[in-house]
Amino acid sequence: MRSADPDRSVEFYGELFDWKPVHLGAEGDLDFHLRSAAVAGLAPTVAPHQPSAWLTYLSSADLAGTVASATQAGGRTLQPPTDRAGRGVAALLADPQGAAFGLWQRGTFAGAQVASEPGASCWNELACRDVAQATGFYGAVFGWITRASIYSDNEGYREWLHDSREVAGLIEMGALYPPEVPAHWRTTFEVDDCEQTVSRCVEHGGQVAFGPFDAGPGVYAQLVDPLGAAFGVIALIPEFRSPLA
């Protein structure tokens, strides 16, 4: 994530998910750890009025090639490929509808070391208004295809697939989204108890955007941290929990 106040973010997510900060260098970057394993990352915002936000990263074995493909497909480069002290190479892009996402080509650090268990990321999804355009862009750049959801009761929800493996979700932004809300990627974290997590979020200065409600695979809520960064939480029903968790 990008944070306008890293110390406040460390405090909030430490209370919410029991994450511990591991500082990486002079630029202020850090990893969040859950039980001594990297679960997420944080970097300070770089512009005076840049909002705090979670950022979905997609892995690339050839980052320069992926950036070129994205540009050819109508995307924009927001931050060119940058070496991150040998840990990997990162870039920040926007798709044709303006949804920002990161790219990561691994060096000494592959990425999150824990996922799909309570306290860790379990899902990312794109919310946009032009599903056909999004399908064309991500298909051209990453080789993804979509299918109608086999999990959600929302008729407009889709899953992205890569080599028959589910990699993310796709939802059309309908009338419930104010017109000024742009297309965006969003991250969901698994929790043991959604209602308790919602209460803890509010107790430590966060807000509830909507929920909790039954989302099919589990009880879901959309939350906002004290600095304005939105994220989802979900308590999965047993059949959707990872067998490794």
C-alpha atoms as a PDB file:
ATOM      1  CA  MET A   1       0.000   0.000   0.000  1.00  0.00           C
ATOM      2  CA  ARG A   2       0.899   3.680  -0.240  1.00  0.00           C
ATOM      3  CA  SER A   3       0.442   5.574   3.011  1.00  0.00           C
ATOM      4  CA  ALA A   4       0.474   9.292   3.761  1.00  0.00           C
ATOM      5  CA  ASP A   5       1.253   8.455   7.406  1.00  0.00           C
ATOM      6  CA  PRO A   6       3.196   5.169   7.662  1.00  0.00           C
ATOM      7  CA  ASP A   7       3.320   5.255  11.466  1.00  0.00           C
ATOM      8  CA  ARG A   8      -0.490   5.495  11.657  1.00  0.00           C
ATOM      9  CA  SER A   9      -0.863   2.692   9.125  1.00  0.00           C
ATOM     10  CA  VAL A  10       1.516   0.469  11.105  1.00  0.00           C
ATOM     11  CA  GLU A  11      -0.487   1.128  14.265  1.00  0.00           C
ATOM     12  CA  PHE A  12      -3.865   0.472  12.625  1.00  0.00           C
ATOM     13  CA  TYR A  13      -3.001  -2.743  10.774  1.00  0.00           C
ATOM     14  CA  GLY A  14      -1.062  -4.017  13.762  1.00  0.00           C
ATOM     15  CA  GLU A  15      -4.232  -3.730  15.840  1.00  0.00           C
ATOM     16  CA  LEU A  16      -6.510  -5.058  13.080  1.00  0.00           C
ATOM     17  CA  PHE A  17      -4.509  -8.016  11.743  1.00  0.00           C
ATOM     18  CA  ASP A  18      -1.644  -8.374  14.267  1.00  0.00           C
ATOM     19  CA  TRP A  19       0.879  -7.390  11.575  1.00  0.00           C
ATOM     20  CA  LYS A  20       4.411  -6.429  12.572  1.00  0.00           C
ATOM     21  CA  PRO A  21       6.496  -3.905  10.567  1.00  0.00           C
ATOM     22  CA  VAL A  22       9.909  -4.843   9.182  1.00  0.00           C
ATOM     23  CA  HIS A  23      11.686  -1.732   7.907  1.00  0.00           C
ATOM     24  CA  LEU A  24      13.649  -2.097   4.673  1.00  0.00           C
ATOM     25  CA  GLY A  25      15.671   1.097   4.206  1.00  0.00           C
ATOM     26  CA  ALA A  26      15.999   4.853   4.197  1.00  0.00           C
ATOM     27  CA  GLU A  27      13.122   5.437   1.738  1.00  0.00           C
ATOM     28  CA  GLY A  28      10.612   4.375   4.375  1.00  0.00           C
ATOM     29  CA  ASP A  29       9.537   1.137   2.697  1.00  0.00           C
ATOM     30  CA  LEU A  30       8.562  -1.729   4.955  1.00  0.00           C
ATOM     31  CA  ASP A  31       7.085  -5.201   4.880  1.00  0.00           C
ATOM     32  CA  PHE A  32       4.231  -6.214   7.126  1.00  0.00           C
ATOM     33  CA  HIS A  33       4.849  -9.620   8.682  1.00  0.00           C
ATOM     34  CA  LEU A  34       2.358 -12.138  10.018  1.00  0.00           C
ATOM     35  CA  ARG A  35       4.112 -14.781  12.140  1.00  0.00           C
ATOM     36  CA  SER A  36       7.522 -13.763  10.695  1.00  0.00           C
ATOM     37  CA  ALA A  37       6.380 -14.094   7.047  1.00  0.00           C
ATOM     38  CA  ALA A  38       5.795 -11.196   4.641  1.00  0.00           C
ATOM     39  CA  VAL A  39       2.080 -10.606   4.150  1.00  0.00           C
ATOM     40  CA  ALA A  40       1.964  -7.094   2.603  1.00  0.00           C
ATOM     41  CA  GLY A  41       4.110  -4.058   1.919  1.00  0.00           C
ATOM     42  CA  LEU A  42       3.995  -0.338   2.605  1.00  0.00           C
ATOM     43  CA  ALA A  43       5.679   2.653   0.983  1.00  0.00           C
ATOM     44  CA  PRO A  44       5.161   6.341   1.798  1.00  0.00           C
ATOM     45  CA  THR A  45       3.153   8.423  -0.639  1.00  0.00           C
ATOM     46  CA  VAL A  46       5.376  10.498  -2.923  1.00  0.00           C
ATOM     47  CA  ALA A  47       3.206  13.568  -3.645  1.00  0.00           C
ATOM     48  CA  PRO A  48       1.832  16.095  -1.102  1.00  0.00           C
ATOM     49  CA  HIS A  49      -1.843  15.304  -1.682  1.00  0.00           C
ATOM     50  CA  GLN A  50      -1.551  11.697  -2.867  1.00  0.00           C
ATOM     51  CA  PRO A  51      -4.221   9.611  -1.120  1.00  0.00           C
ATOM     52  CA  SER A  52      -3.396   6.514   0.864  1.00  0.00           C
ATOM     53  CA  ALA A  53      -4.485   3.368  -0.975  1.00  0.00           C
ATOM     54  CA  TRP A  54      -3.984  -0.343  -1.308  1.00  0.00           C
ATOM     55  CA  LEU A  55      -2.351  -1.405  -4.565  1.00  0.00           C
ATOM     56  CA  THR A  56      -2.773  -4.739  -6.326  1.00  0.00           C
ATOM     57  CA  TYR A  57       0.504  -6.121  -7.724  1.00  0.00           C
ATOM     58  CA  LEU A  58       0.632  -8.585 -10.618  1.00  0.00           C
ATOM     59  CA  SER A  59       3.662 -10.778 -11.162  1.00  0.00           C
ATOM     60  CA  SER A  60       5.646 -10.598 -14.394  1.00  0.00           C
ATOM     61  CA  ALA A  61       8.569 -12.701 -15.576  1.00  0.00           C
ATOM     62  CA  ASP A  62       9.418  -9.993 -18.146  1.00  0.00           C
ATOM     63  CA  LEU A  63       8.417  -6.655 -16.697  1.00  0.00           C
ATOM     64  CA  ALA A  64       9.723  -4.535 -19.575  1.00  0.00           C
ATOM     65  CA  GLY A  65       7.806  -6.712 -22.022  1.00  0.00           C
ATOM     66  CA  THR A  66       4.631  -6.481 -19.947  1.00  0.00           C
ATOM     67  CA  VAL A  67       4.895  -2.687 -19.794  1.00  0.00           C
ATOM     68  CA  ALA A  68       5.288  -2.582 -23.574  1.00  0.00           C
ATOM     69  CA  SER A  69       2.265  -4.859 -24.067  1.00  0.00           C
ATOM     70  CA  ALA A  70       0.179  -2.745 -21.704  1.00  0.00           C
ATOM     71  CA  THR A  71       1.109   0.444 -23.552  1.00  0.00           C
ATOM     72  CA  GLN A  72       0.227  -1.129 -26.883  1.00  0.00           C
ATOM     73  CA  ALA A  73      -3.148  -2.210 -25.459  1.00  0.00           C
ATOM     74  CA  GLY A  74      -3.998   1.328 -24.313  1.00  0.00           C
ATOM     75  CA  GLY A  75      -2.561   1.408 -20.784  1.00  0.00           C
ATOM     76  CA  ARG A  76      -0.350   4.106 -19.273  1.00  0.00           C
ATOM     77  CA  THR A  77       2.883   3.961 -17.283  1.00  0.00           C
ATOM     78  CA  LEU A  78       2.530   5.878 -14.024  1.00  0.00           C
ATOM     79  CA  GLN A  79       5.923   4.851 -12.670  1.00  0.00           C
ATOM     80  CA  PRO A  80       8.560   3.283 -14.943  1.00  0.00           C
ATOM     81  CA  PRO A  81      10.361   0.055 -14.012  1.00  0.00           C
ATOM     82  CA  THR A  82      12.471   0.686 -10.923  1.00  0.00           C
ATOM     83  CA  ASP A  83      14.932  -1.648  -9.237  1.00  0.00           C
ATOM     84  CA  ARG A  84      14.059  -2.114  -5.582  1.00  0.00           C
ATOM     85  CA  ALA A  85      17.488  -2.772  -4.066  1.00  0.00           C
ATOM     86  CA  GLY A  86      17.825  -6.164  -5.709  1.00  0.00           C
ATOM     87  CA  ARG A  87      14.570  -7.463  -4.218  1.00  0.00           C
ATOM     88  CA  GLY A  88      12.867  -7.070  -7.583  1.00  0.00           C
ATOM     89  CA  VAL A  89      11.803  -4.583 -10.230  1.00  0.00           C
ATOM     90  CA  ALA A  90       8.529  -2.671  -9.812  1.00  0.00           C
ATOM     91  CA  ALA A  91       6.397  -0.542 -12.106  1.00  0.00           C
ATOM     92  CA  LEU A  92       3.056   1.213 -11.709  1.00  0.00           C
ATOM     93  CA  LEU A  93       0.556   1.176 -14.566  1.00  0.00           C
ATOM     94  CA  ALA A  94      -3.011   2.237 -15.281  1.00  0.00           C
ATOM     95  CA  ASP A  95      -5.378   0.362 -17.554  1.00  0.00           C
ATOM     96  CA  PRO A  96      -7.422   2.210 -20.239  1.00  0.00           C
ATOM     97  CA  GLN A  97     -10.133   3.044 -17.671  1.00  0.00           C
ATOM     98  CA  GLY A  98      -7.632   4.437 -15.184  1.00  0.00           C
ATOM     99  CA  ALA A  99      -7.456   1.559 -12.704  1.00  0.00           C
ATOM    100  CA  ALA A 100      -3.936   1.547 -11.238  1.00  0.00           C
ATOM    101  CA  PHE A 101      -2.011  -1.646 -10.551  1.00  0.00           C
ATOM    102  CA  GLY A 102       1.564  -2.601  -9.865  1.00  0.00           C
ATOM    103  CA  LEU A 103       3.886  -5.011 -11.646  1.00  0.00           C
ATOM    104  CA  TRP A 104       6.570  -7.000  -9.852  1.00  0.00           C
ATOM    105  CA  GLN A 105       9.419  -8.996 -11.377  1.00  0.00           C
ATOM    106  CA  ARG A 106      11.031 -10.994  -8.616  1.00  0.00           C
ATOM    107  CA  GLY A 107      14.660 -10.674  -7.622  1.00  0.00           C
ATOM    108  CA  THR A 108      15.630 -11.890  -4.166  1.00  0.00           C
ATOM    109  CA  PHE A 109      12.025 -11.378  -2.998  1.00  0.00           C
ATOM    110  CA  ALA A 110       9.180 -13.235  -4.703  1.00  0.00           C
ATOM    111  CA  GLY A 111       6.338 -11.410  -2.977  1.00  0.00           C
ATOM    112  CA  ALA A 112       3.862 -12.255  -0.243  1.00  0.00           C
ATOM    113  CA  GLN A 113       4.967 -15.301   1.719  1.00  0.00           C
ATOM    114  CA  VAL A 114       1.578 -15.976   3.278  1.00  0.00           C
ATOM    115  CA  ALA A 115      -1.857 -15.702   1.669  1.00  0.00           C
ATOM    116  CA  SER A 116      -5.375 -17.152   1.800  1.00  0.00           C
ATOM    117  CA  GLU A 117      -5.554 -17.483   5.567  1.00  0.00           C
ATOM    118  CA  PRO A 118      -6.859 -15.203   8.326  1.00  0.00           C
ATOM    119  CA  GLY A 119      -4.843 -12.003   8.441  1.00  0.00           C
ATOM    120  CA  ALA A 120      -3.634 -12.308   4.844  1.00  0.00           C
ATOM    121  CA  SER A 121      -4.803 -11.319   1.383  1.00  0.00           C
ATOM    122  CA  CYS A 122      -7.144 -13.831  -0.215  1.00  0.00           C
ATOM    123  CA  TRP A 123      -8.606 -12.038  -3.266  1.00  0.00           C
ATOM    124  CA  ASN A 124      -8.189  -9.076  -5.610  1.00  0.00           C
ATOM    125  CA  GLU A 125     -10.797  -7.751  -7.993  1.00  0.00           C
ATOM    126  CA  LEU A 126     -11.242  -5.048 -10.612  1.00  0.00           C
ATOM    127  CA  ALA A 127     -14.303  -2.812 -10.471  1.00  0.00           C
ATOM    128  CA  CYS A 128     -14.937  -0.974 -13.748  1.00  0.00           C
ATOM    129  CA  ARG A 129     -17.698   0.362 -15.986  1.00  0.00           C
ATOM    130  CA  ASP A 130     -16.627  -1.125 -19.328  1.00  0.00           C
ATOM    131  CA  VAL A 131     -16.263  -4.859 -18.820  1.00  0.00           C
ATOM    132  CA  ALA A 132     -15.636  -5.540 -22.507  1.00  0.00           C
ATOM    133  CA  GLN A 133     -12.747  -3.070 -22.598  1.00  0.00           C
ATOM    134  CA  ALA A 134     -11.251  -4.523 -19.404  1.00  0.00           C
ATOM    135  CA  THR A 135     -11.554  -8.045 -20.773  1.00  0.00           C
ATOM    136  CA  GLY A 136      -9.743  -7.007 -23.935  1.00  0.00           C
ATOM    137  CA  PHE A 137      -6.942  -5.194 -22.103  1.00  0.00           C
ATOM    138  CA  TYR A 138      -6.095  -7.819 -19.493  1.00  0.00           C
ATOM    139  CA  GLY A 139      -6.533 -10.577 -22.038  1.00  0.00           C
ATOM    140  CA  ALA A 140      -4.035  -8.935 -24.386  1.00  0.00           C
ATOM    141  CA  VAL A 141      -1.481  -8.138 -21.664  1.00  0.00           C
ATOM    142  CA  PHE A 142      -1.719 -11.185 -19.370  1.00  0.00           C
ATOM    143  CA  GLY A 143      -3.585 -13.804 -21.378  1.00  0.00           C
ATOM    144  CA  TRP A 144      -6.515 -13.781 -18.944  1.00  0.00           C
ATOM    145  CA  ILE A 145     -10.033 -14.857 -19.853  1.00  0.00           C
ATOM    146  CA  THR A 146     -13.248 -14.359 -17.883  1.00  0.00           C
ATOM    147  CA  ARG A 147     -16.172 -16.550 -16.927  1.00  0.00           C
ATOM    148  CA  ALA A 148     -19.474 -15.869 -15.197  1.00  0.00           C
ATOM    149  CA  SER A 149     -18.942 -16.344 -11.481  1.00  0.00           C
ATOM    150  CA  ILE A 150     -19.520 -19.785 -10.032  1.00  0.00           C
ATOM    151  CA  TYR A 151     -19.340 -18.354  -6.497  1.00  0.00           C
ATOM    152  CA  SER A 152     -21.208 -15.052  -6.356  1.00  0.00           C
ATOM    153  CA  ASP A 153     -24.957 -14.473  -6.639  1.00  0.00           C
ATOM    154  CA  ASN A 154     -24.211 -11.135  -8.311  1.00  0.00           C
ATOM    155  CA  GLU A 155     -25.129 -11.683 -11.973  1.00  0.00           C
ATOM    156  CA  GLY A 156     -22.532  -9.139 -13.106  1.00  0.00           C
ATOM    157  CA  TYR A 157     -19.626 -10.735 -11.262  1.00  0.00           C
ATOM    158  CA  ARG A 158     -16.929 -12.623 -13.173  1.00  0.00           C
ATOM    159  CA  GLU A 159     -13.718 -14.436 -12.376  1.00  0.00           C
ATOM    160  CA  TRP A 160     -10.481 -13.921 -14.278  1.00  0.00           C
ATOM    161  CA  LEU A 161      -8.733 -17.167 -15.276  1.00  0.00           C
ATOM    162  CA  HIS A 162      -5.153 -17.785 -16.377  1.00  0.00           C
ATOM    163  CA  ASP A 163      -4.350 -21.297 -17.603  1.00  0.00           C
ATOM    164  CA  SER A 164      -7.677 -22.420 -16.054  1.00  0.00           C
ATOM    165  CA  ARG A 165      -6.631 -21.050 -12.635  1.00  0.00           C
ATOM    166  CA  GLU A 166      -8.648 -18.349 -10.869  1.00  0.00           C
ATOM    167  CA  VAL A 167      -6.490 -15.258 -10.402  1.00  0.00           C
ATOM    168  CA  ALA A 168      -8.878 -12.372  -9.639  1.00  0.00           C
ATOM    169  CA  GLY A 169     -12.419 -11.058  -9.851  1.00  0.00           C
ATOM    170  CA  LEU A 170     -14.176  -8.584 -12.153  1.00  0.00           C
ATOM    171  CA  ILE A 171     -17.284  -6.598 -11.295  1.00  0.00           C
ATOM    172  CA  GLU A 172     -19.186  -4.050 -13.348  1.00  0.00           C
ATOM    173  CA  MET A 173     -19.719  -0.712 -11.588  1.00  0.00           C
ATOM    174  CA  GLY A 174     -23.449  -0.089 -11.789  1.00  0.00           C
ATOM    175  CA  ALA A 175     -25.824   2.523 -10.407  1.00  0.00           C
ATOM    176  CA  LEU A 176     -24.667   1.960  -6.809  1.00  0.00           C
ATOM    177  CA  TYR A 177     -21.336   3.593  -7.661  1.00  0.00           C
ATOM    178  CA  PRO A 178     -21.344   7.417  -7.831  1.00  0.00           C
ATOM    179  CA  PRO A 179     -20.219   8.660 -11.264  1.00  0.00           C
ATOM    180  CA  GLU A 180     -17.092  10.276  -9.815  1.00  0.00           C
ATOM    181  CA  VAL A 181     -15.740   6.925  -8.544  1.00  0.00           C
ATOM    182  CA  PRO A 182     -13.148   5.710 -11.078  1.00  0.00           C
ATOM    183  CA  ALA A 183     -12.327   2.154 -12.053  1.00  0.00           C
ATOM    184  CA  HIS A 184     -10.124   0.558  -9.418  1.00  0.00           C
ATOM    185  CA  TRP A 185      -8.521  -2.607  -8.142  1.00  0.00           C
ATOM    186  CA  ARG A 186      -9.339  -3.617  -4.570  1.00  0.00           C
ATOM    187  CA  THR A 187      -7.901  -6.098  -2.108  1.00  0.00           C
ATOM    188  CA  THR A 188      -9.713  -8.411   0.297  1.00  0.00           C
ATOM    189  CA  PHE A 189      -8.215  -9.955   3.431  1.00  0.00           C
ATOM    190  CA  GLU A 190      -9.428 -13.142   5.056  1.00  0.00           C
ATOM    191  CA  VAL A 191     -10.509 -12.947   8.709  1.00  0.00           C
ATOM    192  CA  ASP A 192     -11.877 -15.395  11.265  1.00  0.00           C
ATOM    193  CA  ASP A 193     -14.880 -13.254  12.195  1.00  0.00           C
ATOM    194  CA  CYS A 194     -16.099 -10.439   9.946  1.00  0.00           C
ATOM    195  CA  GLU A 195     -18.305  -8.729  12.546  1.00  0.00           C
ATOM    196  CA  GLN A 196     -15.502  -8.639  15.107  1.00  0.00           C
ATOM    197  CA  THR A 197     -13.067  -7.261  12.522  1.00  0.00           C
ATOM    198  CA  VAL A 198     -15.546  -4.536  11.573  1.00  0.00           C
ATOM    199  CA  SER A 199     -15.901  -3.554  15.231  1.00  0.00           C
ATOM    200  CA  ARG A 200     -12.141  -3.532  15.698  1.00  0.00           C
ATOM    201  CA  CYS A 201     -11.704  -1.366  12.594  1.00  0.00           C
ATOM    202  CA  VAL A 202     -14.096   1.270  13.942  1.00  0.00           C
ATOM    203  CA  GLU A 203     -12.555   1.078  17.423  1.00  0.00           C
ATOM    204  CA  HIS A 204      -9.145   1.970  15.976  1.00  0.00           C
ATOM    205  CA  GLY A 205     -10.268   4.850  13.786  1.00  0.00           C
ATOM    206  CA  GLY A 206     -11.468   3.169  10.590  1.00  0.00           C
ATOM    207  CA  GLN A 207     -14.878   3.305   8.929  1.00  0.00           C
ATOM    208  CA  VAL A 208     -17.371   0.884   7.400  1.00  0.00           C
ATOM    209  CA  ALA A 209     -18.223   1.552   3.746  1.00  0.00           C
ATOM    210  CA  PHE A 210     -20.804  -1.249   3.616  1.00  0.00           C
ATOM    211  CA  GLY A 211     -21.550  -4.621   5.150  1.00  0.00           C
ATOM    212  CA  PRO A 212     -21.192  -7.031   6.718  1.00  0.00           C
ATOM    213  CA  PHE A 213     -23.379  -9.145   4.421  1.00  0.00           C
ATOM    214  CA  ASP A 214     -23.541 -12.694   3.072  1.00  0.00           C
ATOM    215  CA  ALA A 215     -21.475 -12.680  -0.140  1.00  0.00           C
ATOM    216  CA  GLY A 216     -21.840 -16.401  -0.924  1.00  0.00           C
ATOM    217  CA  PRO A 217     -18.322 -17.632  -0.123  1.00  0.00           C
ATOM    218  CA  GLY A 218     -18.524 -15.883   3.253  1.00  0.00           C
ATOM    219  CA  VAL A 219     -19.490 -12.799   5.251  1.00  0.00           C
ATOM    220  CA  TYR A 220     -17.961  -9.710   3.633  1.00  0.00           C
ATOM    221  CA  ALA A 221     -17.508  -6.030   4.506  1.00  0.00           C
ATOM    222  CA  GLN A 222     -15.829  -3.097   2.796  1.00  0.00           C
ATOM    223  CA  LEU A 223     -13.768  -1.007   5.224  1.00  0.00           C
ATOM    224  CA  VAL A 224     -11.754   2.218   5.111  1.00  0.00           C
ATOM    225  CA  ASP A 225      -8.667   2.734   7.256  1.00  0.00           C
ATOM    226  CA  PRO A 226      -8.046   6.005   9.177  1.00  0.00           C
ATOM    227  CA  LEU A 227      -6.133   7.475   6.208  1.00  0.00           C
ATOM    228  CA  GLY A 228      -8.825   6.686   3.633  1.00  0.00           C
ATOM    229  CA  ALA A 229      -7.458   3.462   2.106  1.00  0.00           C
ATOM    230  CA  ALA A 230     -10.301   1.067   1.260  1.00  0.00           C
ATOM    231  CA  PHE A 231     -10.086  -2.712   1.568  1.00  0.00           C
ATOM    232  CA  GLY A 232     -12.357  -5.709   1.997  1.00  0.00           C
ATOM    233  CA  VAL A 233     -12.527  -8.375   4.683  1.00  0.00           C
ATOM    234  CA  ILE A 234     -14.239 -11.742   4.447  1.00  0.00           C
ATOM    235  CA  ALA A 235     -14.846 -14.620   6.845  1.00  0.00           C
ATOM    236  CA  LEU A 236     -14.991 -17.599   4.501  1.00  0.00           C
ATOM    237  CA  ILE A 237     -17.342 -20.507   5.016  1.00  0.00           C
ATOM    238  CA  PRO A 238     -15.473 -23.824   5.501  1.00  0.00           C
ATOM    239  CA  GLU A 239     -15.662 -25.078   1.917  1.00  0.00           C
ATOM    240  CA  PHE A 240     -13.886 -21.956   0.634  1.00  0.00           C
ATOM    241  CA  ARG A 241     -11.041 -21.965   3.129  1.00  0.00           C
ATOM    242  CA  SER A 242      -7.596 -22.958   1.907  1.00  0.00           C
ATOM    243  CA  PRO A 243      -6.673 -26.528   2.930  1.00  0.00           C
ATOM    244  CA  LEU A 244      -3.226 -25.160   3.840  1.00  0.00           C
ATOM    245  CA  ALA A 245      -4.574 -22.531   6.254  1.00  0.00           C
END
